[in-house]
Amino acid sequence: MTIDTTIQQDYERTLLKIARVLPTSRVEQLVDFARFLEAQILSEELIQEESAAEVEADNAQWDALLATDEAQTLLEKLADDALAEHRAGRTRPMAFDHAGRIVPG
């Protein structure tokens, strides 16, 4: 067993000990934070795969698309529809499975 593996296992044991004594709501926050950190890693990997020129070109395309009156009107309509659904009680919190995928809540 390598030192890195031993250290990793120590961290895992420490996290489990902490999670076992936390109230459920705090464990949910711990899991959400872990998912946040995981997403950051994926995001960083994606950024490293794209060149600065590719990112800039992609951003320019989005900026041009979102700057149109048609896009702004559509975004406002989508926001109004979402708020109306929320006010009517037809929304619910997002739920995730153990792998971080969205599941019915």
PDB file of N, CA and C in Angstrom:
ATOM      1  N   MET A   1       0.844  -1.176   0.000  1.00  0.00           N
ATOM      2  CA  MET A   1       0.000   0.000   0.000  1.00  0.00           C
ATOM      3  C   MET A   1       0.892   1.243   0.000  1.00  0.00           C
ATOM      4  N   THR A   2       0.583   2.176  -0.877  1.00  0.00           N
ATOM      5  CA  THR A   2       1.401   3.381  -0.973  1.00  0.00           C
ATOM      6  C   THR A   2       0.988   4.386   0.100  1.00  0.00           C
ATOM      7  N   ILE A   3       1.840   5.365   0.306  1.00  0.00           N
ATOM      8  CA  ILE A   3       1.559   6.417   1.280  1.00  0.00           C
ATOM      9  C   ILE A   3       0.307   7.190   0.868  1.00  0.00           C
ATOM     10  N   ASP A   4       0.166   7.484  -0.449  1.00  0.00           N
ATOM     11  CA  ASP A   4      -1.012   8.212  -0.931  1.00  0.00           C
ATOM     12  C   ASP A   4      -2.294   7.454  -0.627  1.00  0.00           C
ATOM     13  N   THR A   5      -2.276   6.139  -0.822  1.00  0.00           N
ATOM     14  CA  THR A   5      -3.458   5.325  -0.546  1.00  0.00           C
ATOM     15  C   THR A   5      -3.782   5.342   0.941  1.00  0.00           C
ATOM     16  N   THR A   6      -2.765   5.248   1.769  1.00  0.00           N
ATOM     17  CA  THR A   6      -2.964   5.276   3.221  1.00  0.00           C
ATOM     18  C   THR A   6      -3.552   6.610   3.660  1.00  0.00           C
ATOM     19  N   ILE A   7      -3.017   7.695   3.128  1.00  0.00           N
ATOM     20  CA  ILE A   7      -3.526   9.027   3.462  1.00  0.00           C
ATOM     21  C   ILE A   7      -4.976   9.159   3.010  1.00  0.00           C
ATOM     22  N   GLN A   8      -5.277   8.677   1.801  1.00  0.00           N
ATOM     23  CA  GLN A   8      -6.646   8.729   1.274  1.00  0.00           C
ATOM     24  C   GLN A   8      -7.596   7.964   2.189  1.00  0.00           C
ATOM     25  N   GLN A   9      -7.179   6.785   2.620  1.00  0.00           N
ATOM     26  CA  GLN A   9      -8.024   5.985   3.509  1.00  0.00           C
ATOM     27  C   GLN A   9      -8.216   6.677   4.854  1.00  0.00           C
ATOM     28  N   ASP A  10      -7.194   7.359   5.353  1.00  0.00           N
ATOM     29  CA  ASP A  10      -7.325   8.111   6.600  1.00  0.00           C
ATOM     30  C   ASP A  10      -8.366   9.229   6.450  1.00  0.00           C
ATOM     31  N   TYR A  11      -8.327   9.920   5.326  1.00  0.00           N
ATOM     32  CA  TYR A  11      -9.311  10.970   5.069  1.00  0.00           C
ATOM     33  C   TYR A  11     -10.721  10.390   5.003  1.00  0.00           C
ATOM     34  N   GLU A  12     -10.850   9.258   4.315  1.00  0.00           N
ATOM     35  CA  GLU A  12     -12.162   8.625   4.201  1.00  0.00           C
ATOM     36  C   GLU A  12     -12.695   8.234   5.582  1.00  0.00           C
ATOM     37  N   ARG A  13     -11.844   7.650   6.411  1.00  0.00           N
ATOM     38  CA  ARG A  13     -12.274   7.282   7.767  1.00  0.00           C
ATOM     39  C   ARG A  13     -12.667   8.515   8.573  1.00  0.00           C
ATOM     40  N   THR A  14     -11.888   9.578   8.442  1.00  0.00           N
ATOM     41  CA  THR A  14     -12.187  10.817   9.158  1.00  0.00           C
ATOM     42  C   THR A  14     -13.534  11.380   8.717  1.00  0.00           C
ATOM     43  N   LEU A  15     -13.770  11.411   7.411  1.00  0.00           N
ATOM     44  CA  LEU A  15     -15.052  11.907   6.905  1.00  0.00           C
ATOM     45  C   LEU A  15     -16.219  11.057   7.399  1.00  0.00           C
ATOM     46  N   LEU A  16     -16.039   9.745   7.407  1.00  0.00           N
ATOM     47  CA  LEU A  16     -17.104   8.862   7.897  1.00  0.00           C
ATOM     48  C   LEU A  16     -17.386   9.102   9.368  1.00  0.00           C
ATOM     49  N   LYS A  17     -16.344   9.263  10.172  1.00  0.00           N
ATOM     50  CA  LYS A  17     -16.537   9.547  11.603  1.00  0.00           C
ATOM     51  C   LYS A  17     -17.313  10.841  11.792  1.00  0.00           C
ATOM     52  N   ILE A  18     -16.951  11.848  11.037  1.00  0.00           N
ATOM     53  CA  ILE A  18     -17.635  13.141  11.128  1.00  0.00           C
ATOM     54  C   ILE A  18     -19.090  12.994  10.697  1.00  0.00           C
ATOM     55  N   ALA A  19     -19.307  12.344   9.566  1.00  0.00           N
ATOM     56  CA  ALA A  19     -20.662  12.199   9.027  1.00  0.00           C
ATOM     57  C   ALA A  19     -21.570  11.421   9.985  1.00  0.00           C
ATOM     58  N   ARG A  20     -21.032  10.459  10.684  1.00  0.00           N
ATOM     59  CA  ARG A  20     -21.843   9.633  11.591  1.00  0.00           C
ATOM     60  C   ARG A  20     -22.400  10.417  12.771  1.00  0.00           C
ATOM     61  N   VAL A  21     -21.745  11.492  13.171  1.00  0.00           N
ATOM     62  CA  VAL A  21     -22.216  12.242  14.337  1.00  0.00           C
ATOM     63  C   VAL A  21     -22.979  13.514  13.962  1.00  0.00           C
ATOM     64  N   LEU A  22     -23.020  13.844  12.699  1.00  0.00           N
ATOM     65  CA  LEU A  22     -23.728  15.039  12.263  1.00  0.00           C
ATOM     66  C   LEU A  22     -25.229  14.764  12.113  1.00  0.00           C
ATOM     67  N   PRO A  23     -26.048  15.782  12.341  1.00  0.00           N
ATOM     68  CA  PRO A  23     -27.476  15.630  12.029  1.00  0.00           C
ATOM     69  C   PRO A  23     -27.650  15.465  10.516  1.00  0.00           C
ATOM     70  N   THR A  24     -28.749  14.859  10.124  1.00  0.00           N
ATOM     71  CA  THR A  24     -28.994  14.564   8.704  1.00  0.00           C
ATOM     72  C   THR A  24     -28.848  15.798   7.815  1.00  0.00           C
ATOM     73  N   SER A  25     -29.362  16.928   8.269  1.00  0.00           N
ATOM     74  CA  SER A  25     -29.280  18.136   7.439  1.00  0.00           C
ATOM     75  C   SER A  25     -27.829  18.544   7.187  1.00  0.00           C
ATOM     76  N   ARG A  26     -26.970  18.334   8.178  1.00  0.00           N
ATOM     77  CA  ARG A  26     -25.551  18.674   8.010  1.00  0.00           C
ATOM     78  C   ARG A  26     -24.852  17.659   7.110  1.00  0.00           C
ATOM     79  N   VAL A  27     -25.263  16.399   7.172  1.00  0.00           N
ATOM     80  CA  VAL A  27     -24.685  15.387   6.277  1.00  0.00           C
ATOM     81  C   VAL A  27     -25.054  15.740   4.833  1.00  0.00           C
ATOM     82  N   GLU A  28     -26.278  16.190   4.634  1.00  0.00           N
ATOM     83  CA  GLU A  28     -26.696  16.609   3.288  1.00  0.00           C
ATOM     84  C   GLU A  28     -25.812  17.758   2.797  1.00  0.00           C
ATOM     85  N   GLN A  29     -25.503  18.699   3.692  1.00  0.00           N
ATOM     86  CA  GLN A  29     -24.632  19.808   3.315  1.00  0.00           C
ATOM     87  C   GLN A  29     -23.224  19.320   2.990  1.00  0.00           C
ATOM     88  N   LEU A  30     -22.754  18.351   3.765  1.00  0.00           N
ATOM     89  CA  LEU A  30     -21.428  17.775   3.521  1.00  0.00           C
ATOM     90  C   LEU A  30     -21.375  17.123   2.143  1.00  0.00           C
ATOM     91  N   VAL A  31     -22.417  16.360   1.816  1.00  0.00           N
ATOM     92  CA  VAL A  31     -22.483  15.701   0.510  1.00  0.00           C
ATOM     93  C   VAL A  31     -22.579  16.745  -0.606  1.00  0.00           C
ATOM     94  N   ASP A  32     -23.402  17.773  -0.397  1.00  0.00           N
ATOM     95  CA  ASP A  32     -23.509  18.835  -1.404  1.00  0.00           C
ATOM     96  C   ASP A  32     -22.161  19.512  -1.635  1.00  0.00           C
ATOM     97  N   PHE A  33     -21.420  19.758  -0.558  1.00  0.00           N
ATOM     98  CA  PHE A  33     -20.109  20.390  -0.699  1.00  0.00           C
ATOM     99  C   PHE A  33     -19.141  19.467  -1.435  1.00  0.00           C
ATOM    100  N   ALA A  34     -19.204  18.180  -1.125  1.00  0.00           N
ATOM    101  CA  ALA A  34     -18.335  17.219  -1.823  1.00  0.00           C
ATOM    102  C   ALA A  34     -18.653  17.205  -3.318  1.00  0.00           C
ATOM    103  N   ARG A  35     -19.936  17.274  -3.652  1.00  0.00           N
ATOM    104  CA  ARG A  35     -20.330  17.321  -5.066  1.00  0.00           C
ATOM    105  C   ARG A  35     -19.843  18.609  -5.724  1.00  0.00           C
ATOM    106  N   PHE A  36     -19.907  19.703  -4.986  1.00  0.00           N
ATOM    107  CA  PHE A  36     -19.388  20.978  -5.487  1.00  0.00           C
ATOM    108  C   PHE A  36     -17.906  20.858  -5.818  1.00  0.00           C
ATOM    109  N   LEU A  37     -17.139  20.272  -4.897  1.00  0.00           N
ATOM    110  CA  LEU A  37     -15.704  20.094  -5.134  1.00  0.00           C
ATOM    111  C   LEU A  37     -15.457  19.186  -6.330  1.00  0.00           C
ATOM    112  N   GLU A  38     -16.249  18.133  -6.448  1.00  0.00           N
ATOM    113  CA  GLU A  38     -16.117  17.219  -7.580  1.00  0.00           C
ATOM    114  C   GLU A  38     -16.399  17.945  -8.891  1.00  0.00           C
ATOM    115  N   ALA A  39     -17.440  18.781  -8.899  1.00  0.00           N
ATOM    116  CA  ALA A  39     -17.777  19.542 -10.107  1.00  0.00           C
ATOM    117  C   ALA A  39     -16.671  20.519 -10.474  1.00  0.00           C
ATOM    118  N   GLN A  40     -16.030  21.104  -9.468  1.00  0.00           N
ATOM    119  CA  GLN A  40     -14.918  22.012  -9.747  1.00  0.00           C
ATOM    120  C   GLN A  40     -13.793  21.290 -10.476  1.00  0.00           C
ATOM    121  N   ILE A  41     -13.500  20.075 -10.049  1.00  0.00           N
ATOM    122  CA  ILE A  41     -12.441  19.299 -10.699  1.00  0.00           C
ATOM    123  C   ILE A  41     -12.807  19.032 -12.149  1.00  0.00           C
ATOM    124  N   LEU A  42     -14.055  18.618 -12.385  1.00  0.00           N
ATOM    125  CA  LEU A  42     -14.494  18.361 -13.760  1.00  0.00           C
ATOM    126  C   LEU A  42     -14.426  19.625 -14.603  1.00  0.00           C
ATOM    127  N   SER A  43     -14.830  20.741 -14.009  1.00  0.00           N
ATOM    128  CA  SER A  43     -14.792  22.018 -14.713  1.00  0.00           C
ATOM    129  C   SER A  43     -13.358  22.402 -15.067  1.00  0.00           C
ATOM    130  N   GLU A  44     -12.459  22.221 -14.122  1.00  0.00           N
ATOM    131  CA  GLU A  44     -11.046  22.536 -14.367  1.00  0.00           C
ATOM    132  C   GLU A  44     -10.476  21.654 -15.476  1.00  0.00           C
ATOM    133  N   GLU A  45     -10.870  20.388 -15.491  1.00  0.00           N
ATOM    134  CA  GLU A  45     -10.391  19.483 -16.537  1.00  0.00           C
ATOM    135  C   GLU A  45     -10.893  19.912 -17.899  1.00  0.00           C
ATOM    136  N   LEU A  46     -12.165  20.326 -17.972  1.00  0.00           N
ATOM    137  CA  LEU A  46     -12.718  20.790 -19.240  1.00  0.00           C
ATOM    138  C   LEU A  46     -12.012  22.047 -19.722  1.00  0.00           C
ATOM    139  N   ILE A  47     -11.746  22.955 -18.794  1.00  0.00           N
ATOM    140  CA  ILE A  47     -11.067  24.199 -19.157  1.00  0.00           C
ATOM    141  C   ILE A  47      -9.674  23.908 -19.705  1.00  0.00           C
ATOM    142  N   GLN A  48      -8.978  22.944 -19.101  1.00  0.00           N
ATOM    143  CA  GLN A  48      -7.628  22.610 -19.546  1.00  0.00           C
ATOM    144  C   GLN A  48      -7.637  21.995 -20.939  1.00  0.00           C
ATOM    145  N   GLU A  49      -8.761  21.356 -21.308  1.00  0.00           N
ATOM    146  CA  GLU A  49      -8.849  20.718 -22.617  1.00  0.00           C
ATOM    147  C   GLU A  49      -9.091  21.727 -23.737  1.00  0.00           C
ATOM    148  N   GLU A  50      -9.645  22.889 -23.396  1.00  0.00           N
ATOM    149  CA  GLU A  50      -9.939  23.895 -24.400  1.00  0.00           C
ATOM    150  C   GLU A  50      -8.855  24.966 -24.422  1.00  0.00           C
ATOM    151  N   SER A  51      -8.543  25.418 -25.608  1.00  0.00           N
ATOM    152  CA  SER A  51      -7.572  26.507 -25.700  1.00  0.00           C
ATOM    153  C   SER A  51      -8.265  27.822 -25.372  1.00  0.00           C
ATOM    154  N   ALA A  52      -7.490  28.819 -25.042  1.00  0.00           N
ATOM    155  CA  ALA A  52      -8.043  30.137 -24.718  1.00  0.00           C
ATOM    156  C   ALA A  52      -8.817  30.696 -25.905  1.00  0.00           C
ATOM    157  N   ALA A  53      -8.324  30.460 -27.106  1.00  0.00           N
ATOM    158  CA  ALA A  53      -9.000  30.959 -28.314  1.00  0.00           C
ATOM    159  C   ALA A  53     -10.365  30.292 -28.483  1.00  0.00           C
ATOM    160  N   GLU A  54     -10.448  28.985 -28.199  1.00  0.00           N
ATOM    161  CA  GLU A  54     -11.720  28.268 -28.307  1.00  0.00           C
ATOM    162  C   GLU A  54     -12.727  28.793 -27.288  1.00  0.00           C
ATOM    163  N   VAL A  55     -12.269  29.010 -26.073  1.00  0.00           N
ATOM    164  CA  VAL A  55     -13.150  29.535 -25.023  1.00  0.00           C
ATOM    165  C   VAL A  55     -13.634  30.928 -25.394  1.00  0.00           C
ATOM    166  N   GLU A  56     -12.723  31.764 -25.876  1.00  0.00           N
ATOM    167  CA  GLU A  56     -13.078  33.130 -26.268  1.00  0.00           C
ATOM    168  C   GLU A  56     -14.083  33.133 -27.418  1.00  0.00           C
ATOM    169  N   ALA A  57     -13.876  32.276 -28.402  1.00  0.00           N
ATOM    170  CA  ALA A  57     -14.801  32.191 -29.533  1.00  0.00           C
ATOM    171  C   ALA A  57     -16.175  31.709 -29.078  1.00  0.00           C
ATOM    172  N   ASP A  58     -16.203  30.729 -28.190  1.00  0.00           N
ATOM    173  CA  ASP A  58     -17.464  30.215 -27.667  1.00  0.00           C
ATOM    174  C   ASP A  58     -18.195  31.297 -26.876  1.00  0.00           C
ATOM    175  N   ASN A  59     -17.466  32.008 -26.029  1.00  0.00           N
ATOM    176  CA  ASN A  59     -18.069  33.096 -25.251  1.00  0.00           C
ATOM    177  C   ASN A  59     -18.618  34.197 -26.161  1.00  0.00           C
ATOM    178  N   ALA A  60     -17.898  34.494 -27.228  1.00  0.00           N
ATOM    179  CA  ALA A  60     -18.347  35.530 -28.163  1.00  0.00           C
ATOM    180  C   ALA A  60     -19.652  35.109 -28.841  1.00  0.00           C
ATOM    181  N   GLN A  61     -19.761  33.827 -29.182  1.00  0.00           N
ATOM    182  CA  GLN A  61     -20.997  33.330 -29.795  1.00  0.00           C
ATOM    183  C   GLN A  61     -22.175  33.468 -28.824  1.00  0.00           C
ATOM    184  N   TRP A  62     -21.964  33.080 -27.565  1.00  0.00           N
ATOM    185  CA  TRP A  62     -23.025  33.200 -26.566  1.00  0.00           C
ATOM    186  C   TRP A  62     -23.394  34.659 -26.341  1.00  0.00           C
ATOM    187  N   ASP A  63     -22.398  35.518 -26.249  1.00  0.00           N
ATOM    188  CA  ASP A  63     -22.663  36.942 -26.044  1.00  0.00           C
ATOM    189  C   ASP A  63     -23.507  37.508 -27.178  1.00  0.00           C
ATOM    190  N   ALA A  64     -23.155  37.155 -28.406  1.00  0.00           N
ATOM    191  CA  ALA A  64     -23.898  37.653 -29.569  1.00  0.00           C
ATOM    192  C   ALA A  64     -25.332  37.120 -29.555  1.00  0.00           C
ATOM    193  N   LEU A  65     -25.485  35.860 -29.222  1.00  0.00           N
ATOM    194  CA  LEU A  65     -26.816  35.261 -29.188  1.00  0.00           C
ATOM    195  C   LEU A  65     -27.679  35.914 -28.103  1.00  0.00           C
ATOM    196  N   LEU A  66     -27.118  36.060 -26.921  1.00  0.00           N
ATOM    197  CA  LEU A  66     -27.895  36.588 -25.795  1.00  0.00           C
ATOM    198  C   LEU A  66     -28.129  38.091 -25.886  1.00  0.00           C
ATOM    199  N   ALA A  67     -27.404  38.782 -26.744  1.00  0.00           N
ATOM    200  CA  ALA A  67     -27.562  40.231 -26.885  1.00  0.00           C
ATOM    201  C   ALA A  67     -28.760  40.603 -27.751  1.00  0.00           C
ATOM    202  N   THR A  68     -29.336  39.653 -28.438  1.00  0.00           N
ATOM    203  CA  THR A  68     -30.460  39.976 -29.323  1.00  0.00           C
ATOM    204  C   THR A  68     -31.718  40.260 -28.515  1.00  0.00           C
ATOM    205  N   ASP A  69     -32.593  41.082 -29.068  1.00  0.00           N
ATOM    206  CA  ASP A  69     -33.875  41.382 -28.420  1.00  0.00           C
ATOM    207  C   ASP A  69     -34.714  40.116 -28.277  1.00  0.00           C
ATOM    208  N   GLU A  70     -34.653  39.278 -29.291  1.00  0.00           N
ATOM    209  CA  GLU A  70     -35.426  38.031 -29.269  1.00  0.00           C
ATOM    210  C   GLU A  70     -34.997  37.136 -28.090  1.00  0.00           C
ATOM    211  N   ALA A  71     -33.695  37.037 -27.874  1.00  0.00           N
ATOM    212  CA  ALA A  71     -33.191  36.213 -26.770  1.00  0.00           C
ATOM    213  C   ALA A  71     -33.598  36.804 -25.427  1.00  0.00           C
ATOM    214  N   GLN A  72     -33.511  38.114 -25.280  1.00  0.00           N
ATOM    215  CA  GLN A  72     -33.887  38.751 -24.023  1.00  0.00           C
ATOM    216  C   GLN A  72     -35.371  38.561 -23.730  1.00  0.00           C
ATOM    217  N   THR A  73     -36.197  38.672 -24.761  1.00  0.00           N
ATOM    218  CA  THR A  73     -37.634  38.463 -24.594  1.00  0.00           C
ATOM    219  C   THR A  73     -37.911  37.024 -24.168  1.00  0.00           C
ATOM    220  N   LEU A  74     -37.243  36.080 -24.801  1.00  0.00           N
ATOM    221  CA  LEU A  74     -37.427  34.679 -24.459  1.00  0.00           C
ATOM    222  C   LEU A  74     -36.951  34.388 -23.039  1.00  0.00           C
ATOM    223  N   LEU A  75     -35.810  34.921 -22.648  1.00  0.00           N
ATOM    224  CA  LEU A  75     -35.294  34.716 -21.289  1.00  0.00           C
ATOM    225  C   LEU A  75     -36.241  35.303 -20.243  1.00  0.00           C
ATOM    226  N   GLU A  76     -36.793  36.475 -20.531  1.00  0.00           N
ATOM    227  CA  GLU A  76     -37.746  37.082 -19.599  1.00  0.00           C
ATOM    228  C   GLU A  76     -39.005  36.227 -19.469  1.00  0.00           C
ATOM    229  N   LYS A  77     -39.475  35.681 -20.593  1.00  0.00           N
ATOM    230  CA  LYS A  77     -40.660  34.819 -20.563  1.00  0.00           C
ATOM    231  C   LYS A  77     -40.369  33.545 -19.766  1.00  0.00           C
ATOM    232  N   LEU A  78     -39.210  32.946 -19.986  1.00  0.00           N
ATOM    233  CA  LEU A  78     -38.846  31.742 -19.241  1.00  0.00           C
ATOM    234  C   LEU A  78     -38.762  32.022 -17.741  1.00  0.00           C
ATOM    235  N   ALA A  79     -38.183  33.161 -17.386  1.00  0.00           N
ATOM    236  CA  ALA A  79     -38.079  33.529 -15.969  1.00  0.00           C
ATOM    237  C   ALA A  79     -39.458  33.762 -15.367  1.00  0.00           C
ATOM    238  N   ASP A  80     -40.326  34.457 -16.090  1.00  0.00           N
ATOM    239  CA  ASP A  80     -41.687  34.689 -15.599  1.00  0.00           C
ATOM    240  C   ASP A  80     -42.437  33.371 -15.418  1.00  0.00           C
ATOM    241  N   ASP A  81     -42.303  32.463 -16.393  1.00  0.00           N
ATOM    242  CA  ASP A  81     -42.963  31.152 -16.300  1.00  0.00           C
ATOM    243  C   ASP A  81     -42.461  30.366 -15.091  1.00  0.00           C
ATOM    244  N   ALA A  82     -41.150  30.389 -14.863  1.00  0.00           N
ATOM    245  CA  ALA A  82     -40.567  29.655 -13.738  1.00  0.00           C
ATOM    246  C   ALA A  82     -41.053  30.232 -12.412  1.00  0.00           C
ATOM    247  N   LEU A  83     -41.085  31.552 -12.298  1.00  0.00           N
ATOM    248  CA  LEU A  83     -41.577  32.179 -11.070  1.00  0.00           C
ATOM    249  C   LEU A  83     -43.050  31.864 -10.830  1.00  0.00           C
ATOM    250  N   ALA A  84     -43.847  31.872 -11.891  1.00  0.00           N
ATOM    251  CA  ALA A  84     -45.276  31.560 -11.759  1.00  0.00           C
ATOM    252  C   ALA A  84     -45.464  30.115 -11.278  1.00  0.00           C
ATOM    253  N   GLU A  85     -44.687  29.194 -11.828  1.00  0.00           N
ATOM    254  CA  GLU A  85     -44.777  27.797 -11.388  1.00  0.00           C
ATOM    255  C   GLU A  85     -44.365  27.667  -9.925  1.00  0.00           C
ATOM    256  N   HIS A  86     -43.324  28.372  -9.528  1.00  0.00           N
ATOM    257  CA  HIS A  86     -42.868  28.304  -8.142  1.00  0.00           C
ATOM    258  C   HIS A  86     -43.925  28.875  -7.200  1.00  0.00           C
ATOM    259  N   ARG A  87     -44.479  30.019  -7.550  1.00  0.00           N
ATOM    260  CA  ARG A  87     -45.509  30.647  -6.709  1.00  0.00           C
ATOM    261  C   ARG A  87     -46.758  29.774  -6.610  1.00  0.00           C
ATOM    262  N   ALA A  88     -47.034  29.000  -7.659  1.00  0.00           N
ATOM    263  CA  ALA A  88     -48.207  28.120  -7.665  1.00  0.00           C
ATOM    264  C   ALA A  88     -47.933  26.804  -6.937  1.00  0.00           C
ATOM    265  N   GLY A  89     -46.716  26.629  -6.436  1.00  0.00           N
ATOM    266  CA  GLY A  89     -46.393  25.413  -5.688  1.00  0.00           C
ATOM    267  C   GLY A  89     -46.120  24.199  -6.563  1.00  0.00           C
ATOM    268  N   ARG A  90     -45.783  24.426  -7.815  1.00  0.00           N
ATOM    269  CA  ARG A  90     -45.530  23.314  -8.735  1.00  0.00           C
ATOM    270  C   ARG A  90     -44.045  23.021  -8.927  1.00  0.00           C
ATOM    271  N   THR A  91     -43.218  23.514  -8.012  1.00  0.00           N
ATOM    272  CA  THR A  91     -41.789  23.223  -8.079  1.00  0.00           C
ATOM    273  C   THR A  91     -41.391  22.433  -6.849  1.00  0.00           C
ATOM    274  N   ARG A  92     -40.235  21.808  -6.914  1.00  0.00           N
ATOM    275  CA  ARG A  92     -39.712  21.083  -5.754  1.00  0.00           C
ATOM    276  C   ARG A  92     -38.192  21.141  -5.784  1.00  0.00           C
ATOM    277  N   PRO A  93     -37.575  20.930  -4.633  1.00  0.00           N
ATOM    278  CA  PRO A  93     -36.111  20.991  -4.586  1.00  0.00           C
ATOM    279  C   PRO A  93     -35.492  19.905  -5.467  1.00  0.00           C
ATOM    280  N   MET A  94     -34.304  20.165  -5.937  1.00  0.00           N
ATOM    281  CA  MET A  94     -33.591  19.163  -6.730  1.00  0.00           C
ATOM    282  C   MET A  94     -33.080  18.081  -5.792  1.00  0.00           C
ATOM    283  N   ALA A  95     -33.079  16.850  -6.279  1.00  0.00           N
ATOM    284  CA  ALA A  95     -32.543  15.726  -5.511  1.00  0.00           C
ATOM    285  C   ALA A  95     -31.502  15.027  -6.373  1.00  0.00           C
ATOM    286  N   PHE A  96     -30.511  14.417  -5.706  1.00  0.00           N
ATOM    287  CA  PHE A  96     -29.407  13.782  -6.409  1.00  0.00           C
ATOM    288  C   PHE A  96     -29.220  12.357  -5.896  1.00  0.00           C
ATOM    289  N   ASP A  97     -28.754  11.465  -6.760  1.00  0.00           N
ATOM    290  CA  ASP A  97     -28.414  10.125  -6.304  1.00  0.00           C
ATOM    291  C   ASP A  97     -26.974  10.110  -5.806  1.00  0.00           C
ATOM    292  N   HIS A  98     -26.502   8.949  -5.389  1.00  0.00           N
ATOM    293  CA  HIS A  98     -25.149   8.847  -4.808  1.00  0.00           C
ATOM    294  C   HIS A  98     -24.044   9.252  -5.780  1.00  0.00           C
ATOM    295  N   ALA A  99     -24.337   9.208  -7.075  1.00  0.00           N
ATOM    296  CA  ALA A  99     -23.336   9.591  -8.078  1.00  0.00           C
ATOM    297  C   ALA A  99     -23.458  11.056  -8.470  1.00  0.00           C
ATOM    298  N   GLY A 100     -24.408  11.761  -7.834  1.00  0.00           N
ATOM    299  CA  GLY A 100     -24.544  13.177  -8.121  1.00  0.00           C
ATOM    300  C   GLY A 100     -25.464  13.494  -9.295  1.00  0.00           C
ATOM    301  N   ARG A 101     -26.168  12.489  -9.814  1.00  0.00           N
ATOM    302  CA  ARG A 101     -27.108  12.716 -10.910  1.00  0.00           C
ATOM    303  C   ARG A 101     -28.454  13.166 -10.344  1.00  0.00           C
ATOM    304  N   ILE A 102     -29.150  14.007 -11.086  1.00  0.00           N
ATOM    305  CA  ILE A 102     -30.465  14.479 -10.652  1.00  0.00           C
ATOM    306  C   ILE A 102     -31.445  13.312 -10.733  1.00  0.00           C
ATOM    307  N   VAL A 103     -32.256  13.170  -9.682  1.00  0.00           N
ATOM    308  CA  VAL A 103     -33.281  12.123  -9.625  1.00  0.00           C
ATOM    309  C   VAL A 103     -34.602  12.767  -9.227  1.00  0.00           C
ATOM    310  N   PRO A 104     -35.720  12.077  -9.486  1.00  0.00           N
ATOM    311  CA  PRO A 104     -37.008  12.637  -9.047  1.00  0.00           C
ATOM    312  C   PRO A 104     -37.001  12.872  -7.541  1.00  0.00           C
ATOM    313  N   GLY A 105     -37.453  14.040  -7.124  1.00  0.00           N
ATOM    314  CA  GLY A 105     -37.422  14.420  -5.714  1.00  0.00           C
ATOM    315  C   GLY A 105     -38.695  14.183  -4.978  1.00  0.00           C
TER     316      GLY A 105
END
